[in-house]
N, C-alpha and C. Protein backbone atom coordinates (compact mmCIF):
# COMPACT_ATOMS: atom_id res chain seq x y z
N UNK A 1 116.90 28.26 135.68
CA UNK A 1 117.30 29.49 136.35
C UNK A 1 118.26 29.42 138.17
N UNK A 2 119.54 29.58 138.10
CA UNK A 2 120.26 29.59 139.57
C UNK A 2 120.51 30.53 140.18
N UNK A 3 119.58 30.94 140.51
CA UNK A 3 119.76 32.76 141.13
C UNK A 3 120.63 32.81 142.87
N UNK A 4 121.59 33.42 142.80
CA UNK A 4 121.76 33.53 144.06
C UNK A 4 121.20 34.92 144.83
N UNK A 5 119.89 35.69 144.02
CA UNK A 5 119.45 36.92 144.78
C UNK A 5 118.23 36.35 145.57
N UNK A 6 118.37 36.39 147.10
CA UNK A 6 118.16 36.34 148.02
C UNK A 6 117.96 34.98 148.68
N UNK A 7 119.23 34.12 147.97
CA UNK A 7 119.58 32.97 148.41
C UNK A 7 119.53 32.75 149.80
N UNK A 8 119.12 32.42 150.96
CA UNK A 8 119.13 32.16 152.30
C UNK A 8 120.40 31.71 152.69
N UNK A 9 120.92 30.70 151.60
CA UNK A 9 122.41 30.21 152.10
C UNK A 9 123.51 31.50 151.87
N UNK A 10 123.49 32.72 151.48
CA UNK A 10 124.31 33.54 151.55
C UNK A 10 123.98 34.77 152.94
N UNK A 11 125.02 35.13 153.35
CA UNK A 11 124.89 35.97 154.93
C UNK A 11 124.92 37.29 154.19
N UNK A 12 125.27 37.96 152.95
CA UNK A 12 125.58 39.11 152.52
C UNK A 12 124.56 39.81 152.09
N UNK A 13 124.25 41.13 152.00
CA UNK A 13 123.31 42.25 151.58
C UNK A 13 123.00 41.88 150.45
N UNK A 14 122.00 41.29 149.84
CA UNK A 14 121.86 41.62 148.15
C UNK A 14 121.69 42.97 147.57
N UNK A 15 122.06 42.85 146.02
CA UNK A 15 121.44 43.87 145.61
C UNK A 15 121.02 44.12 144.28
N UNK A 16 119.75 44.74 144.29
CA UNK A 16 119.51 44.77 143.30
C UNK A 16 119.60 46.48 142.50
N UNK A 17 119.69 46.31 141.25
CA UNK A 17 119.89 48.02 140.76
C UNK A 17 118.77 48.04 139.81
N UNK A 18 117.84 49.01 140.09
CA UNK A 18 116.79 49.00 138.89
C UNK A 18 116.80 50.08 138.09
N UNK A 19 115.80 50.50 137.18
CA UNK A 19 115.99 51.16 136.24
C UNK A 19 116.69 51.23 134.81
N UNK A 20 117.32 50.26 134.63
CA UNK A 20 118.32 50.23 133.74
C UNK A 20 117.49 50.44 132.56
N UNK A 21 118.23 50.65 131.50
CA UNK A 21 117.88 51.16 129.73
C UNK A 21 118.71 50.84 129.01
N UNK A 22 119.76 50.32 129.12
CA UNK A 22 120.55 50.38 128.01
C UNK A 22 121.90 49.31 128.78
N UNK A 23 122.60 48.74 127.34
CA UNK A 23 123.48 47.83 127.84
C UNK A 23 124.68 47.90 128.68
N UNK A 24 125.09 49.20 128.45
CA UNK A 24 126.38 49.70 129.37
C UNK A 24 126.00 49.20 130.58
N UNK A 25 124.87 50.26 131.09
CA UNK A 25 124.50 49.89 132.36
C UNK A 25 124.24 48.76 132.88
N UNK A 26 124.01 47.75 132.21
CA UNK A 26 123.46 46.59 132.49
C UNK A 26 125.06 45.69 132.89
N UNK A 27 125.89 45.96 131.95
CA UNK A 27 127.25 45.43 131.88
C UNK A 27 128.01 45.82 133.40
N UNK A 28 127.71 47.47 133.82
CA UNK A 28 128.47 47.61 134.39
C UNK A 28 127.67 47.22 135.69
N UNK A 29 126.63 47.13 136.05
CA UNK A 29 125.85 46.58 137.40
C UNK A 29 126.16 45.04 137.47
N UNK A 30 126.20 44.14 136.30
CA UNK A 30 126.57 42.62 136.60
C UNK A 30 128.13 42.63 136.66
N UNK A 31 128.59 43.31 136.16
CA UNK A 31 130.54 43.07 135.96
C UNK A 31 131.12 43.95 137.85
N UNK A 32 130.01 44.55 138.26
CA UNK A 32 130.51 45.05 139.64
C UNK A 32 130.06 44.52 140.78
N UNK A 33 128.97 43.77 140.47
CA UNK A 33 128.20 42.13 141.50
C UNK A 33 126.91 42.58 141.99
N UNK A 34 126.11 43.08 141.18
CA UNK A 34 124.91 43.25 141.77
C UNK A 34 123.99 41.97 141.36
N UNK A 35 122.98 41.42 141.96
CA UNK A 35 122.42 40.38 142.41
C UNK A 35 121.17 40.33 141.18
N UNK A 36 120.53 41.58 141.30
CA UNK A 36 118.72 41.21 140.13
C UNK A 36 119.34 43.05 139.49
N UNK A 37 118.77 42.90 138.41
CA UNK A 37 118.51 43.84 137.42
C UNK A 37 117.02 44.08 137.01
N UNK A 38 116.48 45.10 137.39
CA UNK A 38 115.15 45.37 137.28
C UNK A 38 115.04 46.57 136.08
N UNK A 39 113.88 46.31 135.24
CA UNK A 39 113.35 46.95 134.11
C UNK A 39 111.94 47.46 134.75
N UNK A 40 111.95 48.53 133.98
CA UNK A 40 110.61 49.50 134.47
C UNK A 40 109.55 49.48 133.27
N UNK A 41 108.71 48.80 133.64
CA UNK A 41 107.31 48.74 132.39
C UNK A 41 105.66 49.42 132.78
N UNK A 42 106.48 51.03 133.54
CA UNK A 42 105.38 51.39 134.23
C UNK A 42 105.89 52.76 132.93
N UNK A 43 104.58 53.63 132.39
CA UNK A 43 105.12 54.59 131.03
C UNK A 43 105.42 55.84 131.47
N UNK A 44 104.79 55.69 132.76
CA UNK A 44 104.84 57.43 133.51
C UNK A 44 106.26 57.33 133.84
N UNK A 45 106.92 56.57 134.22
CA UNK A 45 108.30 56.70 134.80
C UNK A 45 109.62 56.80 133.79
N UNK A 46 110.17 58.04 134.31
CA UNK A 46 111.72 58.25 133.43
C UNK A 46 112.37 56.87 133.14
N UNK A 47 112.29 55.97 133.58
CA UNK A 47 113.39 54.76 133.40
C UNK A 47 112.38 53.78 132.38
N UNK A 48 111.17 54.22 131.95
CA UNK A 48 110.52 53.14 131.56
C UNK A 48 111.16 52.56 130.16
N UNK A 49 111.06 51.42 129.95
CA UNK A 49 111.25 50.54 128.54
C UNK A 49 110.55 49.81 128.07
N UNK A 50 110.44 49.86 126.61
CA UNK A 50 109.54 48.83 126.14
C UNK A 50 110.15 47.34 126.34
N UNK A 51 109.04 46.58 126.58
CA UNK A 51 109.32 45.03 127.22
C UNK A 51 110.04 44.40 125.61
N UNK A 52 110.31 44.70 124.26
CA UNK A 52 111.01 44.00 123.62
C UNK A 52 112.87 44.37 123.78
N UNK A 53 112.69 45.41 124.33
CA UNK A 53 114.18 46.03 124.75
C UNK A 53 114.65 45.26 125.65
N UNK A 54 113.57 45.47 126.86
CA UNK A 54 114.10 44.87 127.87
C UNK A 54 114.53 43.33 127.67
N UNK A 55 113.86 42.70 126.85
CA UNK A 55 114.27 41.20 126.43
C UNK A 55 115.52 40.77 125.90
N UNK A 56 116.00 42.05 125.13
CA UNK A 56 117.22 42.06 124.75
C UNK A 56 118.41 42.05 125.72
N UNK A 57 118.54 42.97 126.76
CA UNK A 57 118.93 43.16 127.52
C UNK A 57 119.05 41.98 128.71
N UNK A 58 118.38 41.17 128.64
CA UNK A 58 117.98 39.82 129.83
C UNK A 58 118.70 39.08 129.18
N UNK A 59 119.50 38.97 127.75
CA UNK A 59 120.32 38.24 127.24
C UNK A 59 121.88 38.20 127.57
N UNK A 60 121.76 39.71 128.48
CA UNK A 60 123.33 40.04 128.86
C UNK A 60 123.09 39.49 130.62
N UNK A 61 122.45 38.93 131.06
CA UNK A 61 122.63 38.55 132.25
C UNK A 61 123.16 37.19 132.31
N UNK A 62 124.20 36.92 132.98
CA UNK A 62 124.47 35.75 133.60
C UNK A 62 123.18 34.69 134.34
N UNK A 63 123.35 33.64 134.25
CA UNK A 63 122.15 32.92 135.20
C UNK A 63 122.20 32.97 136.33
N UNK A 64 123.20 33.44 136.99
CA UNK A 64 122.98 33.93 138.41
C UNK A 64 122.28 35.11 139.08
N UNK A 65 122.15 36.01 137.80
CA UNK A 65 121.54 36.87 137.92
C UNK A 65 120.11 37.36 137.63
N UNK A 66 119.20 37.80 138.48
CA UNK A 66 117.62 37.65 138.35
C UNK A 66 117.47 39.36 137.46
N UNK A 67 116.69 38.89 136.43
CA UNK A 67 115.93 40.28 135.41
C UNK A 67 114.33 40.11 136.61
N UNK A 68 114.36 41.37 136.59
CA UNK A 68 112.77 41.80 137.39
C UNK A 68 111.94 42.84 136.63
N UNK A 69 110.63 42.32 135.90
CA UNK A 69 110.29 43.37 135.22
C UNK A 69 108.94 44.09 136.02
N UNK A 70 109.39 45.47 136.54
CA UNK A 70 108.93 46.64 137.56
C UNK A 70 107.52 46.92 136.67
N UNK A 71 106.33 46.42 137.22
CA UNK A 71 105.19 46.65 137.13
C UNK A 71 103.94 47.10 138.08
N UNK A 72 103.23 48.12 137.55
CA UNK A 72 102.64 49.19 138.21
C UNK A 72 100.90 48.87 138.07
N UNK A 73 100.19 47.98 138.56
CA UNK A 73 98.36 47.74 138.32
C UNK A 73 98.60 47.39 136.75
N UNK A 74 99.35 46.57 136.04
CA UNK A 74 99.22 45.94 135.00
C UNK A 74 98.07 45.56 134.59
N UNK A 75 97.29 45.78 133.57
CA UNK A 75 95.92 44.94 133.26
C UNK A 75 95.81 43.50 132.87
N UNK A 76 97.09 42.97 132.64
CA UNK A 76 97.43 41.41 132.64
C UNK A 76 98.71 41.19 133.14
N UNK A 77 98.58 39.91 133.48
CA UNK A 77 100.38 39.38 133.55
C UNK A 77 100.74 38.36 132.39
N UNK A 78 99.63 38.15 131.69
CA UNK A 78 99.98 37.65 130.53
C UNK A 78 100.77 37.59 129.51
N UNK A 79 101.32 38.68 129.30
CA UNK A 79 102.64 39.18 128.45
C UNK A 79 103.83 38.48 129.30
N UNK A 80 103.78 38.39 130.51
CA UNK A 80 104.97 37.71 131.14
C UNK A 80 104.90 36.21 131.55
N UNK A 81 104.16 35.28 130.83
CA UNK A 81 104.20 33.94 130.66
C UNK A 81 105.27 33.66 130.54
N UNK A 82 106.12 33.72 129.50
CA UNK A 82 107.69 33.34 129.50
C UNK A 82 108.47 34.32 129.74
N UNK A 83 108.44 35.13 130.93
CA UNK A 83 109.28 35.94 131.24
C UNK A 83 110.35 35.57 132.08
N UNK A 84 111.97 35.16 131.68
CA UNK A 84 112.97 34.53 132.43
C UNK A 84 113.27 35.21 133.56
N UNK A 85 112.62 35.79 134.31
CA UNK A 85 112.95 35.97 135.78
C UNK A 85 111.99 36.10 136.79
N UNK A 86 111.79 37.56 137.90
CA UNK A 86 110.70 37.56 138.08
C UNK A 86 109.97 38.74 138.16
N UNK A 87 108.76 39.08 138.90
CA UNK A 87 107.85 40.49 138.73
C UNK A 87 108.13 40.98 139.90
N UNK A 88 108.09 42.58 139.98
CA UNK A 88 107.92 43.25 141.25
C UNK A 88 106.56 43.94 140.91
N UNK A 89 105.63 44.09 141.87
CA UNK A 89 104.59 44.55 141.80
C UNK A 89 104.43 45.48 142.27
N UNK A 90 104.02 47.02 141.99
CA UNK A 90 104.24 48.02 142.77
C UNK A 90 102.79 48.72 142.78
N UNK A 91 101.99 48.52 142.29
CA UNK A 91 100.47 49.14 142.65
C UNK A 91 99.27 48.28 143.74
N UNK A 92 98.57 48.42 143.60
CA UNK A 92 97.49 47.83 144.36
C UNK A 92 97.11 46.76 144.39
N UNK A 93 98.17 45.66 143.81
CA UNK A 93 97.68 44.26 143.21
C UNK A 93 97.32 43.87 144.87
N UNK A 94 96.23 42.42 144.34
CA UNK A 94 95.78 41.81 145.77
C UNK A 94 96.56 40.24 145.97
N UNK A 95 96.53 39.65 147.14
CA UNK A 95 97.14 38.64 147.00
C UNK A 95 96.79 37.36 145.95
N UNK A 96 95.52 37.52 145.53
CA UNK A 96 95.17 36.55 144.26
C UNK A 96 96.18 37.04 142.84
N UNK A 97 96.05 38.04 143.02
CA UNK A 97 96.71 38.36 141.87
C UNK A 97 98.65 38.02 141.90
N UNK A 98 99.38 38.22 142.93
CA UNK A 98 100.31 37.93 143.60
C UNK A 98 100.44 36.08 143.38
N UNK A 99 99.35 35.67 143.93
CA UNK A 99 99.60 34.11 144.13
C UNK A 99 99.67 33.63 143.06
N UNK A 100 98.78 34.36 141.84
CA UNK A 100 98.76 33.45 140.30
C UNK A 100 99.65 33.82 139.57
N UNK A 101 100.58 34.86 139.81
CA UNK A 101 101.44 35.37 139.07
C UNK A 101 102.60 34.35 137.82
N UNK A 102 102.67 34.31 136.96
CA UNK A 102 102.97 33.14 136.19
C UNK A 102 104.89 33.58 136.64
N UNK A 103 105.13 34.26 137.19
CA UNK A 103 106.46 34.42 137.64
C UNK A 103 106.61 34.48 139.63
N UNK A 104 107.68 34.06 140.00
CA UNK A 104 108.04 34.79 141.28
C UNK A 104 107.73 36.33 141.25
N UNK A 105 107.26 36.96 142.79
CA UNK A 105 106.78 38.25 142.92
C UNK A 105 107.69 39.10 143.90
N UNK A 106 107.95 39.91 143.54
CA UNK A 106 108.57 40.96 144.72
C UNK A 106 107.50 41.68 145.35
N UNK A 107 106.70 42.20 146.08
CA UNK A 107 105.55 43.10 146.05
C UNK A 107 106.27 44.34 146.79
N UNK A 108 106.16 45.60 146.08
CA UNK A 108 106.38 46.70 146.27
C UNK A 108 105.55 47.44 147.39
N UNK A 109 105.87 48.12 148.50
CA UNK A 109 104.70 48.87 149.31
C UNK A 109 105.67 50.02 149.89
N UNK A 110 104.50 51.09 150.00
CA UNK A 110 105.37 52.37 150.62
C UNK A 110 105.58 51.97 152.37
N UNK A 111 106.20 52.25 153.09
CA UNK A 111 106.50 51.66 154.37
C UNK A 111 105.43 51.75 155.36
N UNK A 112 104.92 50.70 155.85
CA UNK A 112 103.59 50.31 156.99
C UNK A 112 104.22 49.69 157.74
N UNK A 113 103.82 49.62 158.51
CA UNK A 113 104.19 48.19 159.47
C UNK A 113 102.99 46.91 158.85
N UNK A 114 101.92 47.36 159.24
CA UNK A 114 100.32 46.42 158.88
C UNK A 114 100.62 45.90 157.81
N UNK A 115 101.05 46.50 156.67
CA UNK A 115 100.93 46.48 155.60
C UNK A 115 102.30 45.46 155.57
N UNK A 116 103.67 45.38 155.81
CA UNK A 116 104.21 44.53 155.66
C UNK A 116 103.86 43.21 156.34
N UNK A 117 103.08 43.33 157.58
CA UNK A 117 102.63 42.04 158.14
C UNK A 117 101.66 41.13 157.53
N UNK A 118 100.95 42.33 156.65
CA UNK A 118 99.61 41.55 155.49
C UNK A 118 100.38 40.90 154.56
N UNK A 119 101.64 41.48 154.15
CA UNK A 119 101.88 40.28 153.07
C UNK A 119 102.84 39.54 153.19
N UNK A 120 103.49 39.33 154.55
CA UNK A 120 104.66 38.30 154.88
C UNK A 120 103.77 36.81 155.04
N UNK A 121 104.62 36.24 154.17
CA UNK A 121 104.16 34.68 154.14
C UNK A 121 102.82 34.55 152.73
N UNK A 122 103.17 35.65 152.10
CA UNK A 122 102.13 34.95 150.93
C UNK A 122 102.50 34.24 150.08
N UNK A 123 101.76 33.29 149.53
CA UNK A 123 102.38 31.98 148.85
C UNK A 123 102.86 32.81 147.16
N UNK A 124 104.46 32.63 146.71
CA UNK A 124 104.74 33.02 145.43
C UNK A 124 105.15 34.42 145.62
N UNK A 125 105.50 34.57 146.91
CA UNK A 125 106.10 36.16 147.02
C UNK A 125 107.51 35.66 147.43
N UNK A 126 108.72 36.20 147.06
CA UNK A 126 110.14 36.04 147.48
C UNK A 126 110.66 37.33 148.12
N UNK A 127 110.04 37.94 147.93
CA UNK A 127 110.21 39.41 148.98
C UNK A 127 109.12 40.48 149.38
N UNK A 128 109.21 41.08 150.23
CA UNK A 128 109.02 42.47 150.43
C UNK A 128 109.71 43.55 149.85
N UNK A 129 109.30 44.43 148.99
CA UNK A 129 109.96 45.43 149.17
C UNK A 129 109.82 46.71 149.99
N UNK A 130 110.48 47.67 150.41
CA UNK A 130 109.33 48.49 151.42
C UNK A 130 110.59 49.85 150.88
N UNK A 131 109.60 50.61 150.43
CA UNK A 131 110.14 51.82 149.94
C UNK A 131 109.56 53.36 151.05
N UNK A 132 110.12 54.18 150.74
CA UNK A 132 109.86 55.78 151.05
C UNK A 132 108.49 56.56 150.56
N UNK A 133 108.31 56.02 149.62
CA UNK A 133 106.97 56.43 148.86
C UNK A 133 106.47 55.19 148.02
N UNK A 134 105.45 55.58 146.88
CA UNK A 134 104.73 54.47 146.13
C UNK A 134 105.80 53.72 145.27
N UNK A 135 106.95 55.23 145.15
CA UNK A 135 108.19 53.87 144.21
C UNK A 135 108.75 54.86 143.20
N UNK A 136 110.22 54.72 143.18
CA UNK A 136 110.48 55.65 142.18
C UNK A 136 110.78 56.90 142.22
N UNK A 137 110.42 57.67 143.81
CA UNK A 137 110.34 59.05 143.60
C UNK A 137 111.74 59.44 144.80
N UNK A 138 112.55 58.33 145.12
CA UNK A 138 113.75 58.27 145.43
C UNK A 138 113.47 59.01 147.38
N UNK A 139 112.85 58.44 147.75
CA UNK A 139 112.27 59.32 148.89
C UNK A 139 112.80 58.24 150.40
N UNK A 140 113.34 58.52 151.27
CA UNK A 140 113.97 58.09 152.05
C UNK A 140 112.88 57.73 152.89
N UNK A 141 112.98 56.77 154.02
CA UNK A 141 112.34 56.83 155.42
C UNK A 141 113.18 56.29 156.49
N UNK A 142 112.49 56.47 157.42
CA UNK A 142 113.40 55.79 158.97
C UNK A 142 113.55 54.52 159.15
N UNK A 143 113.96 53.64 158.86
CA UNK A 143 114.23 52.18 158.85
C UNK A 143 113.86 51.96 160.71
N UNK A 144 114.12 52.73 161.26
CA UNK A 144 114.19 51.93 162.89
C UNK A 144 113.21 51.33 163.51
N UNK A 145 111.79 51.42 162.94
CA UNK A 145 110.69 50.57 163.19
C UNK A 145 110.66 49.19 162.05
N UNK A 146 111.07 49.35 160.87
CA UNK A 146 111.50 48.09 160.36
C UNK A 146 112.28 47.49 161.01
N UNK A 147 113.35 47.85 161.45
CA UNK A 147 114.45 47.10 161.64
C UNK A 147 114.02 46.09 162.56
N UNK A 148 112.98 46.63 163.66
CA UNK A 148 112.50 45.65 165.21
C UNK A 148 111.60 44.75 164.35
N UNK A 149 111.17 44.77 163.05
CA UNK A 149 110.38 43.40 163.16
C UNK A 149 110.82 42.61 162.22
N UNK A 150 112.12 42.77 161.15
CA UNK A 150 112.57 41.90 160.28
C UNK A 150 112.52 40.83 160.82
N UNK A 151 113.58 40.76 161.79
CA UNK A 151 113.62 38.88 162.86
C UNK A 151 112.29 38.48 162.79
N UNK A 152 111.26 38.60 162.86
CA UNK A 152 109.92 38.24 163.38
C UNK A 152 109.39 37.80 161.78
N UNK A 153 109.81 38.63 160.49
CA UNK A 153 109.24 37.88 159.34
C UNK A 153 109.52 36.75 158.73
N UNK A 154 108.53 36.14 158.02
CA UNK A 154 109.13 35.21 157.29
C UNK A 154 109.54 35.33 155.82
N UNK A 155 109.31 36.40 155.32
CA UNK A 155 109.71 36.92 153.78
C UNK A 155 110.61 38.31 153.82
N UNK A 156 111.30 37.62 153.34
CA UNK A 156 112.95 38.35 153.22
C UNK A 156 112.65 40.11 152.52
N UNK A 157 113.58 40.74 153.42
CA UNK A 157 112.83 42.49 152.75
C UNK A 157 113.82 43.12 152.37
N UNK A 158 113.47 43.53 151.31
CA UNK A 158 114.36 44.71 150.52
C UNK A 158 114.10 46.20 150.65
N UNK A 159 115.26 46.95 151.11
CA UNK A 159 114.96 48.02 151.29
C UNK A 159 114.98 48.68 149.91
N UNK A 160 114.27 50.10 149.84
CA UNK A 160 115.06 50.53 148.41
C UNK A 160 114.05 52.44 149.31
N UNK A 161 114.50 53.02 148.13
CA UNK A 161 113.59 54.88 148.74
C UNK A 161 115.06 56.00 148.69
N UNK A 162 115.32 56.50 148.27
CA UNK A 162 116.71 57.56 148.33
C UNK A 162 118.00 56.78 148.79
N UNK A 163 118.10 55.39 148.30
CA UNK A 163 119.46 54.97 148.70
C UNK A 163 120.30 55.69 147.57
N UNK A 164 121.70 55.86 148.36
CA UNK A 164 122.89 56.22 147.53
C UNK A 164 123.99 55.57 148.11
N UNK A 165 125.23 55.35 147.59
CA UNK A 165 126.93 55.23 147.87
C UNK A 165 126.73 55.68 149.00
N UNK A 166 126.41 56.96 149.55
CA UNK A 166 126.52 57.38 150.87
C UNK A 166 126.02 57.10 151.85
N UNK A 167 124.71 56.76 151.78
CA UNK A 167 123.70 56.20 153.03
C UNK A 167 123.10 54.47 152.74
N UNK A 168 124.13 54.30 152.33
CA UNK A 168 123.59 52.88 152.31
C UNK A 168 123.93 51.73 153.23
N UNK A 169 124.94 51.97 153.93
CA UNK A 169 125.46 50.87 154.75
C UNK A 169 124.93 51.56 155.63
N UNK A 170 124.56 53.06 156.14
CA UNK A 170 124.07 52.79 157.55
C UNK A 170 122.75 52.34 157.52
N UNK A 171 121.87 52.33 156.72
CA UNK A 171 120.63 51.56 156.09
C UNK A 171 120.59 50.09 156.40
N UNK A 172 121.86 49.21 156.19
CA UNK A 172 122.11 48.12 156.14
C UNK A 172 122.65 47.75 157.79
N UNK A 173 123.37 48.71 158.05
CA UNK A 173 123.77 48.66 159.63
C UNK A 173 122.35 48.65 160.54
N UNK A 174 121.47 49.47 160.29
CA UNK A 174 120.42 49.46 161.21
C UNK A 174 119.22 48.69 160.73
N UNK A 175 119.10 47.96 159.84
CA UNK A 175 118.02 47.08 159.69
C UNK A 175 118.65 45.75 159.26
N UNK A 176 119.66 45.50 158.92
CA UNK A 176 119.96 44.22 158.25
C UNK A 176 118.96 43.46 157.35
N UNK A 177 118.50 44.23 156.12
CA UNK A 177 117.55 43.79 155.37
C UNK A 177 118.18 42.70 154.38
N UNK A 178 117.45 41.78 153.94
CA UNK A 178 117.63 40.73 152.97
C UNK A 178 118.67 41.29 151.60
N UNK A 179 117.92 42.40 151.19
CA UNK A 179 118.46 43.22 150.09
C UNK A 179 118.47 44.75 150.38
N UNK A 180 119.02 45.52 149.24
CA UNK A 180 118.87 46.89 149.32
C UNK A 180 118.62 47.21 147.56
N UNK A 181 117.50 48.07 147.27
CA UNK A 181 117.54 48.47 145.95
C UNK A 181 118.05 49.70 145.52
N UNK A 182 118.31 50.14 144.67
CA UNK A 182 118.85 51.48 144.02
C UNK A 182 118.04 52.10 142.59
N UNK A 183 117.75 53.34 142.29
CA UNK A 183 117.37 53.63 141.02
C UNK A 183 118.32 55.13 141.06
N UNK A 184 117.38 56.00 141.52
CA UNK A 184 117.62 57.11 141.73
C UNK A 184 118.66 57.85 142.18
N UNK A 185 119.61 57.10 143.08
CA UNK A 185 120.86 57.22 144.11
C UNK A 185 122.10 57.19 143.07
N UNK A 186 121.89 56.54 141.91
CA UNK A 186 122.72 56.20 141.06
C UNK A 186 122.52 56.86 139.64
N UNK A 187 122.05 58.08 140.20
CA UNK A 187 121.55 58.42 138.43
C UNK A 187 122.28 60.01 138.12
N UNK A 188 123.05 60.30 136.69
CA UNK A 188 123.71 61.38 136.74
C UNK A 188 122.27 62.55 136.28
N UNK A 189 121.12 62.63 135.88
CA UNK A 189 119.96 63.20 135.86
C UNK A 189 119.01 61.94 135.57
N UNK A 190 117.82 62.52 136.04
CA UNK A 190 116.28 61.66 136.24
C UNK A 190 116.71 60.50 135.09
N UNK A 191 116.29 59.16 135.28
CA UNK A 191 116.49 58.36 134.04
C UNK A 191 117.49 57.83 133.49
N UNK A 192 119.20 58.85 133.89
CA UNK A 192 120.44 58.02 133.06
C UNK A 192 121.25 57.65 134.15
N UNK A 193 121.62 56.57 133.79
CA UNK A 193 122.38 56.04 135.15
C UNK A 193 123.69 56.46 134.70
N UNK A 194 124.89 56.86 136.19
CA UNK A 194 126.10 56.94 136.07
C UNK A 194 126.49 55.40 136.33
N UNK A 195 127.36 55.33 135.39
CA UNK A 195 128.47 53.78 135.44
C UNK A 195 129.52 53.98 136.79
N UNK A 196 129.80 55.86 137.64
CA UNK A 196 130.53 55.21 138.51
C UNK A 196 129.80 55.21 139.85
N UNK A 197 128.63 55.99 139.84
CA UNK A 197 127.81 55.71 140.71
C UNK A 197 127.39 54.11 141.30
N UNK A 198 127.05 53.86 139.96
CA UNK A 198 126.57 51.99 140.30
C UNK A 198 127.57 51.39 140.79
N UNK A 199 128.84 51.12 140.17
CA UNK A 199 129.88 50.75 140.90
C UNK A 199 130.11 51.55 142.41
N UNK A 200 130.21 52.71 142.83
CA UNK A 200 130.14 53.08 144.29
C UNK A 200 129.49 52.68 145.25
N UNK A 201 128.22 52.55 144.63
CA UNK A 201 126.60 51.81 145.63
C UNK A 201 127.17 50.28 145.59
N UNK A 202 127.35 49.69 144.81
CA UNK A 202 127.67 48.37 144.91
C UNK A 202 128.89 48.27 145.73
N UNK A 203 129.91 48.76 145.53
CA UNK A 203 131.04 48.41 146.51
C UNK A 203 130.98 48.76 147.77
N UNK A 204 130.25 50.38 148.55
CA UNK A 204 129.69 49.85 149.66
C UNK A 204 128.74 49.10 149.98
N UNK A 205 128.02 48.44 149.46
CA UNK A 205 127.37 47.31 150.08
C UNK A 205 128.09 46.39 150.27
N UNK A 206 129.17 45.57 149.45
CA UNK A 206 130.15 45.01 149.20
C UNK A 206 130.88 45.13 150.27
N UNK A 207 131.43 46.29 151.14
CA UNK A 207 132.48 46.53 151.96
C UNK A 207 131.76 46.31 153.37
N UNK A 208 130.71 46.26 153.58
CA UNK A 208 129.71 46.04 154.58
C UNK A 208 129.07 44.78 155.04
N UNK A 209 129.06 44.01 153.95
CA UNK A 209 128.41 42.74 154.01
C UNK A 209 129.37 41.66 154.42
């Protein structure tokens, strides 16, 4: 796997488009320049997708685009031993779970400086995703304090939570994260992605990166 996502050789802000459930949305996101695509395996989410369906959509991803399995307190990571991508763990998973995971991990947390520093440098951790909520609620947060500590961290930071084509440039200017993550901010209704909004979001990031 040869991914450009969070490659330190790139100075651009990377883009993760999350919660995709159909082939058209995947094609639009990839064609517009997304670096990573998230598939949500959390049953309570309006963006939930069955693993066998996501496996088919993974076949649409070129080698340089990462497929991310989004999980929350999964009873076991064994079903993902052969997942050809990364895992995003959004629950109360501990360090041991992250370090022993069968794939590289993004650890998602609600903004809290102590938590960010706690996870910074953890083995097998590719990034810390910092959200305005516990995930999937589209809740923004003030990135001012996070921006101050990002230069001191070893682990790349992905900012999520209420991002839209209209506000993502301001967040990037303020915090300069390694990547941004969007889901509800590019939807026409809950769980339904809007192709025009996907394109607009990615273009907004590209224009400022």
